[in-house]
């Protein structure tokens, strides 16, 4: 299938769509359960309508996926996240679901900053079956949850199991093809067709075995604990002693006034701690915003190389000192430092992605598509010359 003039296999599109459905199915029963606890007197028809309405969560999940894949600037992604949050609030008419949509956008941003090609909402796992046990157990042990949650939870669990089986099977096929891509004369298309056919047959078989019994069986069980009889407790009689009597403890201990010098020292220490915490918080927020912006712009994806059949190798951990960046000091206001700051600021402003550290000035300018011969000559003089730059050089650029 061709999308935007790119040949994309159908199984890859199916993998992404199954990831959207995976996140949707985990949210729908929990959404209906929360509404059942909040509202009173809900019938089975209303609960089923809430379940169908819960599938609207597919909209923010899908839109956030497209936003994190297509937008390269974090500013535009934040605007898109705000729009998705507002749209979800209008669809559900609920602030809680708007918060859920905001959390989805944040998790996708977190996954991109850490180099993950797919976030938590795109990978189905068998551990997700535990989510459907929550409405089932609430329906068994509490009277507020309707009995309809028991068959609904089992149907959702069966469908999610088939979905997880299909998606993980597609991932296994892609992993096998990627590992053996360098093999000569490998029948990749034949392998993909055979394995996909077997996977489709397994999914159809599991659906035919699991769904019909769950759809035709009317399950409804409520746990009612037995009433326990408790004997009445009679506290022992209290007797007054000759030494203490009924005198309170605070009257027995004489009051002591604190030293004014100690109070002053404690106040000074308190102010110092508060100022240090406030300064650290401000610095952490600013530094975190800078790192997030750079990490979002870099969009690094770890390829995760696979190494096999190395039983004799011994793993050793080597900790090397981080190399200090060759930058001018903050207090250095010389013409040489000013030229280097000007060059770096211009280069980062023009480049779509920051250049690598190993690049020379010419390679970095080619990477950023920067053509400024005067700036290049003055920067090389500032960077490599022992004499450095003068004020005339700074004025020239």
Protein backbone atom coordinates (compact mmCIF):
# COMPACT_ATOMS: atom_id res chain seq x y z
CA UNK A 1 0.00 0.00 0.00
CA UNK A 2 1.33 3.43 -0.96
CA UNK A 3 0.92 6.31 1.52
CA UNK A 4 2.49 9.67 0.66
CA UNK A 5 4.33 7.95 -2.24
CA UNK A 6 5.90 5.44 0.14
CA UNK A 7 5.42 1.69 -0.13
CA UNK A 8 4.28 0.57 3.33
CA UNK A 9 3.41 -3.10 4.02
CA UNK A 10 -0.15 -3.76 5.10
CA UNK A 11 1.04 -5.56 8.24
CA UNK A 12 2.79 -2.39 9.42
CA UNK A 13 -0.42 -0.39 9.03
CA UNK A 14 -2.32 -3.16 10.82
CA UNK A 15 0.25 -3.10 13.63
CA UNK A 16 -0.29 0.63 14.21
CA UNK A 17 -4.09 0.32 14.10
CA UNK A 18 -4.00 -2.57 16.58
CA UNK A 19 -1.91 -0.37 18.86
CA UNK A 20 -4.63 2.28 18.79
CA UNK A 21 -7.30 -0.33 19.54
CA UNK A 22 -5.18 -1.76 22.36
CA UNK A 23 -5.12 1.56 24.21
CA UNK A 24 -8.81 2.16 23.48
CA UNK A 25 -9.91 -1.20 24.88
CA UNK A 26 -7.98 -0.63 28.09
CA UNK A 27 -9.70 2.73 28.66
CA UNK A 28 -13.32 1.90 27.72
CA UNK A 29 -14.35 -0.44 30.61
CA UNK A 30 -12.61 1.75 33.18
CA UNK A 31 -14.45 4.81 31.83
CA UNK A 32 -17.82 3.05 32.11
CA UNK A 33 -16.96 1.78 35.60
CA UNK A 34 -16.09 5.26 36.87
CA UNK A 35 -19.35 6.66 35.50
CA UNK A 36 -21.25 3.85 37.20
CA UNK A 37 -19.70 4.70 40.56
CA UNK A 38 -20.22 8.44 40.16
CA UNK A 39 -23.84 8.31 38.95
CA UNK A 40 -26.61 6.53 40.82
CA UNK A 41 -29.44 4.44 39.43
CA UNK A 42 -27.81 3.53 36.11
CA UNK A 43 -29.51 0.78 34.11
CA UNK A 44 -27.84 -1.78 31.86
CA UNK A 45 -28.83 0.13 28.73
CA UNK A 46 -27.19 3.31 30.01
CA UNK A 47 -24.02 1.39 30.94
CA UNK A 48 -23.84 -0.13 27.44
CA UNK A 49 -24.26 3.35 25.95
CA UNK A 50 -21.39 4.60 28.11
CA UNK A 51 -19.24 1.70 26.90
CA UNK A 52 -19.97 2.60 23.27
CA UNK A 53 -19.28 6.26 24.03
CA UNK A 54 -15.98 5.30 25.60
CA UNK A 55 -14.70 4.24 22.17
CA UNK A 56 -14.44 7.96 21.36
CA UNK A 57 -11.14 7.86 23.25
CA UNK A 58 -9.79 6.44 19.98
CA UNK A 59 -9.81 10.02 18.61
CA UNK A 60 -7.19 11.52 21.01
CA UNK A 61 -5.10 8.34 20.82
CA UNK A 62 -4.97 8.52 17.02
CA UNK A 63 -4.49 12.29 16.81
CA UNK A 64 -1.67 12.24 19.37
CA UNK A 65 0.05 9.49 17.35
CA UNK A 66 -0.06 11.59 14.19
CA UNK A 67 1.10 14.67 16.13
CA UNK A 68 4.16 12.96 17.61
CA UNK A 69 5.08 11.45 14.22
CA UNK A 70 4.56 14.50 12.00
CA UNK A 71 5.52 17.50 14.15
CA UNK A 72 9.23 18.22 14.55
CA UNK A 73 8.99 21.23 16.90
CA UNK A 74 7.99 20.81 20.51
CA UNK A 75 6.11 24.13 20.45
CA UNK A 76 3.75 22.86 17.74
CA UNK A 77 3.34 19.55 19.55
CA UNK A 78 2.33 21.36 22.74
CA UNK A 79 -0.26 23.35 20.77
CA UNK A 80 -1.54 20.12 19.21
CA UNK A 81 -1.73 18.49 22.66
CA UNK A 82 -3.79 21.40 23.98
CA UNK A 83 -6.15 21.08 21.00
CA UNK A 84 -6.49 17.32 21.50
CA UNK A 85 -7.22 17.84 25.20
CA UNK A 86 -9.91 20.42 24.50
CA UNK A 87 -11.46 18.23 21.80
CA UNK A 88 -11.61 15.26 24.19
CA UNK A 89 -13.27 17.42 26.83
CA UNK A 90 -15.97 18.41 24.33
CA UNK A 91 -16.49 14.83 23.10
CA UNK A 92 -16.98 13.40 26.57
CA UNK A 93 -18.22 16.57 28.28
CA UNK A 94 -15.90 15.67 31.15
CA UNK A 95 -12.78 17.23 32.62
CA UNK A 96 -11.54 13.80 33.72
CA UNK A 97 -11.31 12.51 30.14
CA UNK A 98 -9.53 15.71 29.12
CA UNK A 99 -6.92 14.90 31.79
CA UNK A 100 -6.65 11.38 30.35
CA UNK A 101 -6.02 12.82 26.87
CA UNK A 102 -3.36 15.14 28.29
CA UNK A 103 -1.70 12.15 29.97
CA UNK A 104 -1.68 10.27 26.64
CA UNK A 105 0.02 13.21 24.90
CA UNK A 106 2.58 13.43 27.72
CA UNK A 107 3.41 9.73 27.52
CA UNK A 108 3.97 9.96 23.78
CA UNK A 109 6.27 12.94 24.33
CA UNK A 110 8.13 10.99 27.04
CA UNK A 111 8.60 8.04 24.69
CA UNK A 112 9.98 10.23 21.91
CA UNK A 113 12.44 11.98 24.22
CA UNK A 114 13.77 8.58 25.31
CA UNK A 115 14.20 7.32 21.74
CA UNK A 116 11.27 4.91 21.68
CA UNK A 117 9.70 4.38 18.26
CA UNK A 118 6.39 3.37 19.89
CA UNK A 119 5.06 4.52 23.23
CA UNK A 120 3.23 2.57 25.90
CA UNK A 121 -0.07 3.09 24.09
CA UNK A 122 1.13 1.33 20.92
CA UNK A 123 2.33 -2.02 22.28
CA UNK A 124 -0.21 -4.62 23.42
CA UNK A 125 0.91 -6.99 26.17
CA UNK A 126 -0.68 -9.92 27.94
CA UNK A 127 -0.27 -8.05 31.23
CA UNK A 128 -3.03 -5.71 30.02
CA UNK A 129 -5.56 -8.49 30.67
CA UNK A 130 -5.32 -7.61 34.37
CA UNK A 131 -7.09 -4.31 33.62
CA UNK A 132 -10.31 -6.13 32.75
CA UNK A 133 -10.24 -7.89 36.12
CA UNK A 134 -10.91 -4.55 37.84
CA UNK A 135 -14.52 -4.05 36.62
CA UNK A 136 -15.20 -7.78 36.94
CA UNK A 137 -14.14 -7.90 40.61
CA UNK A 138 -15.90 -4.61 41.39
CA UNK A 139 -19.11 -6.11 40.00
CA UNK A 140 -18.66 -9.20 42.17
CA UNK A 141 -17.80 -7.57 45.50
CA UNK A 142 -19.64 -4.22 45.39
CA UNK A 143 -23.31 -3.38 44.93
CA UNK A 144 -22.62 -0.10 43.11
CA UNK A 145 -21.18 -1.88 40.05
CA UNK A 146 -23.85 -3.51 37.89
CA UNK A 147 -23.70 -7.20 37.00
CA UNK A 148 -23.39 -6.31 33.30
CA UNK A 149 -19.69 -5.59 33.88
CA UNK A 150 -18.95 -9.29 34.33
CA UNK A 151 -19.83 -10.48 30.79
CA UNK A 152 -18.55 -7.23 29.28
CA UNK A 153 -15.17 -7.64 31.01
CA UNK A 154 -14.83 -11.23 29.78
CA UNK A 155 -15.71 -10.26 26.19
CA UNK A 156 -13.22 -7.39 26.26
CA UNK A 157 -10.55 -9.70 27.69
CA UNK A 158 -11.12 -12.28 24.92
CA UNK A 159 -10.97 -9.66 22.15
CA UNK A 160 -7.88 -8.08 23.72
CA UNK A 161 -6.19 -11.49 23.87
CA UNK A 162 -6.73 -12.00 20.13
CA UNK A 163 -5.54 -8.44 19.44
CA UNK A 164 -2.40 -8.97 21.54
CA UNK A 165 -1.71 -12.30 19.82
CA UNK A 166 -1.98 -10.71 16.38
CA UNK A 167 0.15 -7.66 17.13
CA UNK A 168 2.91 -9.59 18.87
CA UNK A 169 2.93 -12.07 15.97
CA UNK A 170 3.43 -9.24 13.48
CA UNK A 171 6.29 -7.92 15.60
CA UNK A 172 7.94 -11.37 15.66
CA UNK A 173 7.72 -11.57 11.88
CA UNK A 174 9.28 -8.12 11.42
CA UNK A 175 12.05 -8.90 13.92
CA UNK A 176 12.94 -12.10 12.08
CA UNK A 177 13.03 -10.32 8.71
CA UNK A 178 15.19 -7.49 10.11
CA UNK A 179 17.71 -9.85 11.74
CA UNK A 180 18.14 -11.94 8.59
CA UNK A 181 17.95 -9.06 6.10
CA UNK A 182 21.61 -9.52 5.11
CA UNK A 183 21.13 -13.20 4.24
CA UNK A 184 21.51 -13.89 0.53
CA UNK A 185 18.63 -15.44 -1.42
CA UNK A 186 16.31 -15.37 1.57
CA UNK A 187 12.66 -15.77 0.43
CA UNK A 188 11.39 -12.90 2.56
CA UNK A 189 8.06 -12.47 0.78
CA UNK A 190 7.28 -16.17 0.98
CA UNK A 191 8.14 -16.27 4.67
CA UNK A 192 5.96 -13.23 5.36
CA UNK A 193 2.99 -14.66 3.44
CA UNK A 194 3.15 -18.07 5.15
CA UNK A 195 3.61 -16.67 8.67
CA UNK A 196 0.90 -14.04 8.19
CA UNK A 197 -1.50 -16.71 6.96
CA UNK A 198 -0.75 -18.89 9.99
CA UNK A 199 -1.15 -15.90 12.29
CA UNK A 200 -4.51 -15.00 10.73
CA UNK A 201 -5.69 -18.61 11.12
CA UNK A 202 -4.66 -18.61 14.79
CA UNK A 203 -6.50 -15.34 15.42
CA UNK A 204 -9.68 -16.62 13.72
CA UNK A 205 -9.49 -19.89 15.67
CA UNK A 206 -9.10 -18.10 19.03
CA UNK A 207 -11.98 -15.77 18.17
CA UNK A 208 -14.24 -18.68 17.22
CA UNK A 209 -13.39 -20.58 20.41
CA UNK A 210 -13.57 -17.73 22.94
CA UNK A 211 -16.29 -15.31 21.83
CA UNK A 212 -19.40 -17.52 21.20
CA UNK A 213 -19.52 -19.01 24.74
CA UNK A 214 -19.02 -15.57 26.31
CA UNK A 215 -21.68 -13.88 24.17
CA UNK A 216 -24.32 -16.55 24.79
CA UNK A 217 -23.65 -17.09 28.51
CA UNK A 218 -25.39 -14.80 31.01
CA UNK A 219 -22.94 -14.40 33.91
CA UNK A 220 -24.01 -12.70 37.11
CA UNK A 221 -22.51 -13.48 40.50
CA UNK A 222 -22.59 -11.32 43.61
CA UNK A 223 -20.59 -12.05 46.74
CA UNK A 224 -22.57 -11.54 49.96
CA UNK A 225 -20.57 -11.99 53.18
CA UNK A 226 -22.18 -13.63 56.19
CA UNK A 227 -23.18 -11.49 59.14
CA UNK A 228 -20.79 -12.04 62.03
CA UNK A 229 -21.86 -11.72 65.69
CA UNK A 230 -19.54 -9.74 67.97
CA UNK A 231 -19.56 -9.93 71.77
CA UNK A 232 -19.86 -6.66 73.64
CA UNK A 233 -16.64 -5.34 75.14
CA UNK A 234 -16.66 -3.99 78.69
CA UNK A 235 -13.60 -1.90 79.54
CA UNK A 236 -11.95 -2.54 82.94
CA UNK A 237 -12.49 -0.09 85.75
CA UNK A 238 -9.75 2.51 86.18
CA UNK A 239 -8.25 2.97 89.67
CA UNK A 240 -6.51 6.10 90.87
CA UNK A 241 -2.96 5.75 92.16
CA UNK A 242 -1.60 7.71 95.04
CA UNK A 243 1.40 9.00 93.06
CA UNK A 244 -0.21 10.36 89.87
CA UNK A 245 -3.96 10.34 90.25
CA UNK A 246 -5.85 11.88 87.35
CA UNK A 247 -3.35 14.70 86.78
CA UNK A 248 -2.62 15.22 83.03
CA UNK A 249 0.88 14.53 81.74
CA UNK A 250 1.48 18.08 80.46
CA UNK A 251 0.81 19.49 83.95
CA UNK A 252 3.30 17.10 85.54
CA UNK A 253 6.17 18.26 83.22
CA UNK A 254 7.29 21.87 83.82
CA UNK A 255 7.27 24.18 80.77
CA UNK A 256 10.67 25.34 79.44
CA UNK A 257 11.19 28.49 77.34
CA UNK A 258 13.44 28.11 74.24
CA UNK A 259 16.63 30.12 73.96
CA UNK A 260 16.26 33.25 71.75
CA UNK A 261 19.67 32.60 70.15
CA UNK A 262 18.60 29.09 69.17
CA UNK A 263 15.34 30.42 67.70
CA UNK A 264 17.27 32.99 65.62
CA UNK A 265 19.66 30.32 64.30
CA UNK A 266 16.77 28.06 63.34
CA UNK A 267 15.04 30.90 61.47
CA UNK A 268 18.24 31.71 59.56
CA UNK A 269 18.69 28.05 58.61
CA UNK A 270 15.07 27.88 57.54
CA UNK A 271 15.47 30.90 55.25
CA UNK A 272 18.68 29.45 53.77
CA UNK A 273 16.99 26.12 53.04
CA UNK A 274 13.96 27.83 51.46
CA UNK A 275 16.15 30.04 49.25
CA UNK A 276 18.24 27.03 48.17
CA UNK A 277 15.13 25.00 47.35
CA UNK A 278 13.56 27.86 45.38
CA UNK A 279 16.78 28.45 43.43
CA UNK A 280 17.19 24.75 42.71
CA UNK A 281 13.58 24.49 41.56
CA UNK A 282 13.90 27.44 39.18
CA UNK A 283 17.19 26.12 37.80
CA UNK A 284 15.73 22.63 37.39
CA UNK A 285 12.69 23.91 35.48
CA UNK A 286 14.79 26.04 33.12
CA UNK A 287 17.38 23.30 32.58
CA UNK A 288 14.66 20.68 32.06
CA UNK A 289 12.88 22.81 29.45
CA UNK A 290 16.16 23.27 27.55
CA UNK A 291 16.93 19.54 27.61
CA UNK A 292 13.40 18.60 26.57
CA UNK A 293 13.49 21.07 23.67
CA UNK A 294 16.85 19.75 22.44
CA UNK A 295 15.84 16.13 22.86
CA UNK A 296 12.57 16.65 21.00
CA UNK A 297 14.38 18.37 18.14
CA UNK A 298 17.05 15.68 17.84
CA UNK A 299 14.45 12.85 17.60
CA UNK A 300 17.00 10.10 18.24
CA UNK A 301 15.84 6.50 17.75
CA UNK A 302 17.91 3.65 19.14
CA UNK A 303 18.33 0.86 16.59
CA UNK A 304 19.07 -1.73 19.29
CA UNK A 305 21.62 -3.96 17.51
CA UNK A 306 21.22 -7.66 18.17
CA UNK A 307 24.26 -9.79 19.10
CA UNK A 308 23.97 -13.58 19.16
CA UNK A 309 26.19 -16.60 19.91
CA UNK A 310 28.75 -14.86 22.09
CA UNK A 311 28.90 -17.13 25.18
CA UNK A 312 32.66 -16.73 25.80
CA UNK A 313 32.69 -12.95 25.96
CA UNK A 314 32.93 -11.41 29.39
CA UNK A 315 31.00 -8.26 30.07
CA UNK A 316 32.93 -5.56 31.84
CA UNK A 317 31.61 -2.21 32.92
CA UNK A 318 33.89 0.71 32.08
CA UNK A 319 33.11 4.13 33.41
CA UNK A 320 34.81 6.93 31.57
CA UNK A 321 34.93 10.53 32.52
CA UNK A 322 32.65 12.73 30.52
CA UNK A 323 34.65 15.03 28.29
CA UNK A 324 34.25 18.71 29.00
CA UNK A 325 32.81 20.68 26.13
CA UNK A 326 35.13 23.12 24.43
CA UNK A 327 33.10 26.25 25.09
CA UNK A 328 34.04 29.69 26.38
CA UNK A 329 33.35 30.36 30.02
CA UNK A 330 30.23 32.23 31.06
CA UNK A 331 32.26 35.16 32.43
CA UNK A 332 34.50 35.33 29.35
CA UNK A 333 33.41 38.45 27.41
CA UNK A 334 36.36 38.70 25.06
CA UNK A 335 35.93 39.14 21.27
CA UNK A 336 37.00 35.51 20.74
CA UNK A 337 34.27 34.21 23.05
CA UNK A 338 31.71 36.55 21.47
CA UNK A 339 32.56 35.26 17.97
CA UNK A 340 32.21 31.63 19.08
CA UNK A 341 28.85 32.35 20.73
CA UNK A 342 27.64 34.17 17.63
CA UNK A 343 28.70 31.27 15.38
CA UNK A 344 27.02 28.65 17.56
CA UNK A 345 23.80 30.64 17.86
CA UNK A 346 23.62 31.19 14.09
CA UNK A 347 24.36 27.53 13.34
CA UNK A 348 21.69 26.19 15.73
CA UNK A 349 19.16 28.68 14.42
CA UNK A 350 19.61 27.61 10.80
CA UNK A 351 19.99 23.85 11.33
CA UNK A 352 16.92 21.64 11.63
CA UNK A 353 18.82 19.32 13.95
CA UNK A 354 21.95 20.11 15.99
CA UNK A 355 25.18 18.94 14.31
CA UNK A 356 27.19 16.11 15.82
CA UNK A 357 30.14 16.90 18.09
CA UNK A 358 32.65 15.23 15.80
CA UNK A 359 31.83 17.49 12.85
CA UNK A 360 34.30 20.11 11.71
CA UNK A 361 33.09 23.67 11.08
CA UNK A 362 32.80 22.99 7.34
CA UNK A 363 30.85 19.77 7.92
CA UNK A 364 28.58 21.45 10.45
CA UNK A 365 27.85 24.29 8.04
CA UNK A 366 27.10 21.81 5.25
CA UNK A 367 24.82 19.91 7.60
CA UNK A 368 22.97 23.11 8.51
CA UNK A 369 23.10 24.47 4.93
CA UNK A 370 24.76 27.64 6.18
CA UNK A 371 26.70 29.72 3.64
CA UNK A 372 28.54 32.59 5.31
CA UNK A 373 32.22 32.75 4.37
CA UNK A 374 32.98 35.76 6.59
CA UNK A 375 31.56 34.04 9.66
CA UNK A 376 33.41 30.82 8.80
CA UNK A 377 36.80 32.56 8.52
CA UNK A 378 36.38 34.55 11.74
CA UNK A 379 35.19 31.46 13.64
CA UNK A 380 38.17 29.37 12.56
CA UNK A 381 40.41 32.19 13.70
CA UNK A 382 38.66 32.28 17.08
CA UNK A 383 38.67 28.51 17.45
CA UNK A 384 42.14 27.51 16.25
CA UNK A 385 44.33 30.62 16.32
CA UNK A 386 46.50 31.27 19.35
CA UNK A 387 46.12 35.04 19.05
CA UNK A 388 42.32 34.97 18.90
CA UNK A 389 40.03 37.59 17.42
CA UNK A 390 39.97 41.34 17.74
CA UNK A 391 37.12 43.80 17.99
CA UNK A 392 37.41 44.47 14.26
CA UNK A 393 36.74 40.80 13.54
CA UNK A 394 33.70 40.91 15.79
CA UNK A 395 32.42 44.04 14.05
CA UNK A 396 32.89 42.44 10.62
CA UNK A 397 30.29 39.74 11.32
